[in-house]
C-alpha cells in the first residue's frame, strides 16, 4: 500500500516538475501531501493524483494523468530523482516549502481559480496557493 502511495507521489513529481529545480519538485510533492491532509480532497496520494478523471471528460487535477500518453517514465535519472523526492517528502525529510499550498499552476497560464486562493510562494515555473 505504501509503495503505491510513493509511486503515485513520484509519478506526479516526475510529470509535473521533473524539469524544475529541486525546490520546485519538492513543492509539487508537498501539494499532493497537503491535499491528502485536507478534508476537501481524497485521503490517498493516488486518489489525489487521479482526482477528476472521468472517461471522456478529462478534468484531472493534474493534466498529465489525462493527457492520453503513457504514464511510464522514460527518463531514468529523472524518475530516480522523483522517487527520492517523494520518499523524502512523505517521511518528513523535507519541510513543506509551499506554506500549506493545495494548488499550483505554471507561470505561463492564468487559471480562473487563482483569484479564489492566497498565493503562498513561487518555485521554478510554478506559483503555489492555499
Protein backbone atom coordinates (compact mmCIF):
# COMPACT_ATOMS: atom_id res chain seq x y z
CA UNK A 1 0.00 0.00 0.00
CA UNK A 2 2.74 2.47 0.95
CA UNK A 3 4.66 1.54 -2.19
CA UNK A 4 1.70 2.55 -4.38
CA UNK A 5 1.31 5.79 -2.41
CA UNK A 6 5.00 6.59 -3.04
CA UNK A 7 4.72 5.62 -6.71
CA UNK A 8 1.75 7.92 -7.29
CA UNK A 9 3.51 10.76 -5.50
CA UNK A 10 6.70 10.18 -7.51
CA UNK A 11 4.79 9.99 -10.81
CA UNK A 12 3.22 13.36 -10.09
CA UNK A 13 6.60 14.89 -9.31
CA UNK A 14 8.06 13.33 -12.46
CA UNK A 15 5.34 14.52 -14.82
CA UNK A 16 4.61 17.88 -13.23
CA UNK A 17 8.08 19.05 -12.22
CA UNK A 18 10.99 16.91 -13.45
CA UNK A 19 12.49 19.88 -15.31
CA UNK A 20 12.16 22.12 -12.25
CA UNK A 21 14.84 22.90 -9.66
CA UNK A 22 14.70 20.65 -6.60
CA UNK A 23 12.68 23.20 -4.60
CA UNK A 24 10.01 23.06 -7.31
CA UNK A 25 9.95 19.28 -7.32
CA UNK A 26 9.57 19.18 -3.54
CA UNK A 27 6.85 21.82 -3.72
CA UNK A 28 4.80 19.70 -6.13
CA UNK A 29 5.16 16.71 -3.80
CA UNK A 30 4.06 18.81 -0.83
CA UNK A 31 0.94 19.97 -2.65
CA UNK A 32 -0.15 16.34 -3.04
CA UNK A 33 0.52 15.62 0.65
CA UNK A 34 -1.22 18.85 1.67
CA UNK A 35 -4.26 17.70 -0.28
CA UNK A 36 -4.14 14.28 1.35
CA UNK A 37 -4.21 16.03 4.74
CA UNK A 38 -7.09 18.34 3.71
CA UNK A 39 -10.67 17.07 4.19
CA UNK A 40 -11.67 18.65 0.86
CA UNK A 41 -9.56 16.10 -1.02
CA UNK A 42 -9.15 12.32 -1.03
CA UNK A 43 -7.02 10.83 1.76
CA UNK A 44 -4.64 8.94 -0.52
CA UNK A 45 -1.93 10.21 -2.92
CA UNK A 46 -3.15 8.03 -5.78
CA UNK A 47 -6.71 9.25 -5.37
CA UNK A 48 -5.48 12.86 -5.23
CA UNK A 49 -3.41 12.45 -8.38
CA UNK A 50 -6.24 10.72 -10.25
CA UNK A 51 -8.98 13.01 -8.95
CA UNK A 52 -11.29 14.41 -11.59
CA UNK A 53 -10.70 11.76 -14.22
CA UNK A 54 -13.92 10.78 -15.88
CA UNK A 55 -13.72 8.87 -19.12
CA UNK A 56 -14.20 11.32 -21.97
CA UNK A 57 -14.23 14.44 -19.80
CA UNK A 58 -10.54 14.84 -18.91
CA UNK A 59 -10.92 17.15 -15.96
CA UNK A 60 -7.99 15.89 -13.97
CA UNK A 61 -6.42 17.92 -11.21
CA UNK A 62 -3.03 17.14 -12.75
CA UNK A 63 -3.07 17.33 -16.54
CA UNK A 64 -0.51 14.61 -17.19
CA UNK A 65 -2.90 12.00 -15.87
CA UNK A 66 -5.47 12.80 -18.55
CA UNK A 67 -3.18 13.51 -21.49
CA UNK A 68 -3.67 10.09 -23.06
CA UNK A 69 0.06 9.37 -23.11
CA UNK A 70 1.89 6.52 -21.42
CA UNK A 71 2.42 7.01 -17.70
CA UNK A 72 5.66 5.01 -17.72
CA UNK A 73 8.63 7.31 -17.03
CA UNK A 74 11.19 7.26 -19.83
CA UNK A 75 13.95 9.42 -18.32
CA UNK A 76 15.56 7.05 -15.82
CA UNK A 77 17.56 9.66 -13.90
CA UNK A 78 14.56 12.00 -13.55
CA UNK A 79 12.47 9.04 -12.37
CA UNK A 80 15.05 8.17 -9.70
CA UNK A 81 15.10 11.80 -8.54
CA UNK A 82 11.28 11.92 -8.42
CA UNK A 83 11.23 8.77 -6.28
CA UNK A 84 13.77 10.27 -3.86
CA UNK A 85 11.75 13.49 -3.67
CA UNK A 86 8.58 11.51 -2.96
CA UNK A 87 10.28 9.44 -0.26
CA UNK A 88 11.91 12.45 1.42
CA UNK A 89 8.65 14.39 1.36
CA UNK A 90 6.48 11.56 2.67
CA UNK A 91 8.84 10.71 5.51
CA UNK A 92 9.40 14.32 6.59
CA UNK A 93 12.99 14.77 5.43
CA UNK A 94 11.99 17.91 3.55
CA UNK A 95 9.96 20.70 5.15
CA UNK A 96 6.87 21.97 3.32
CA UNK A 97 8.24 24.78 1.18
CA UNK A 98 4.77 25.77 -0.07
CA UNK A 99 3.41 27.05 3.27
CA UNK A 100 0.46 24.68 3.08
CA UNK A 101 -0.42 25.11 -0.60
CA UNK A 102 -3.03 22.81 -2.10
CA UNK A 103 -2.94 24.28 -5.61
CA UNK A 104 -0.42 25.47 -8.16
CA UNK A 105 -0.14 26.39 -11.80
CA UNK A 106 2.62 27.10 -14.29
CA UNK A 107 3.66 30.74 -14.61
CA UNK A 108 2.66 30.83 -18.27
CA UNK A 109 -1.05 30.17 -17.59
CA UNK A 110 -3.69 32.10 -15.64
CA UNK A 111 -6.38 29.71 -14.42
CA UNK A 112 -9.71 31.16 -13.32
CA UNK A 113 -9.43 29.68 -9.82
CA UNK A 114 -6.23 31.55 -8.84
CA UNK A 115 -8.24 34.56 -7.64
CA UNK A 116 -10.04 32.37 -5.09
CA UNK A 117 -6.87 31.35 -3.23
CA UNK A 118 -3.98 33.08 -1.50
CA UNK A 119 -0.63 32.93 -3.24
CA UNK A 120 1.95 31.43 -0.92
CA UNK A 121 5.17 31.14 -2.92
CA UNK A 122 6.71 30.56 -6.36
CA UNK A 123 9.26 27.85 -7.12
CA UNK A 124 10.72 27.45 -10.58
CA UNK A 125 7.97 27.92 -13.13
CA UNK A 126 5.07 27.26 -10.72
CA UNK A 127 3.05 29.52 -8.44
CA UNK A 128 1.53 27.93 -5.31
CA UNK A 129 -1.71 28.77 -3.49
CA UNK A 130 -3.78 27.79 -0.47
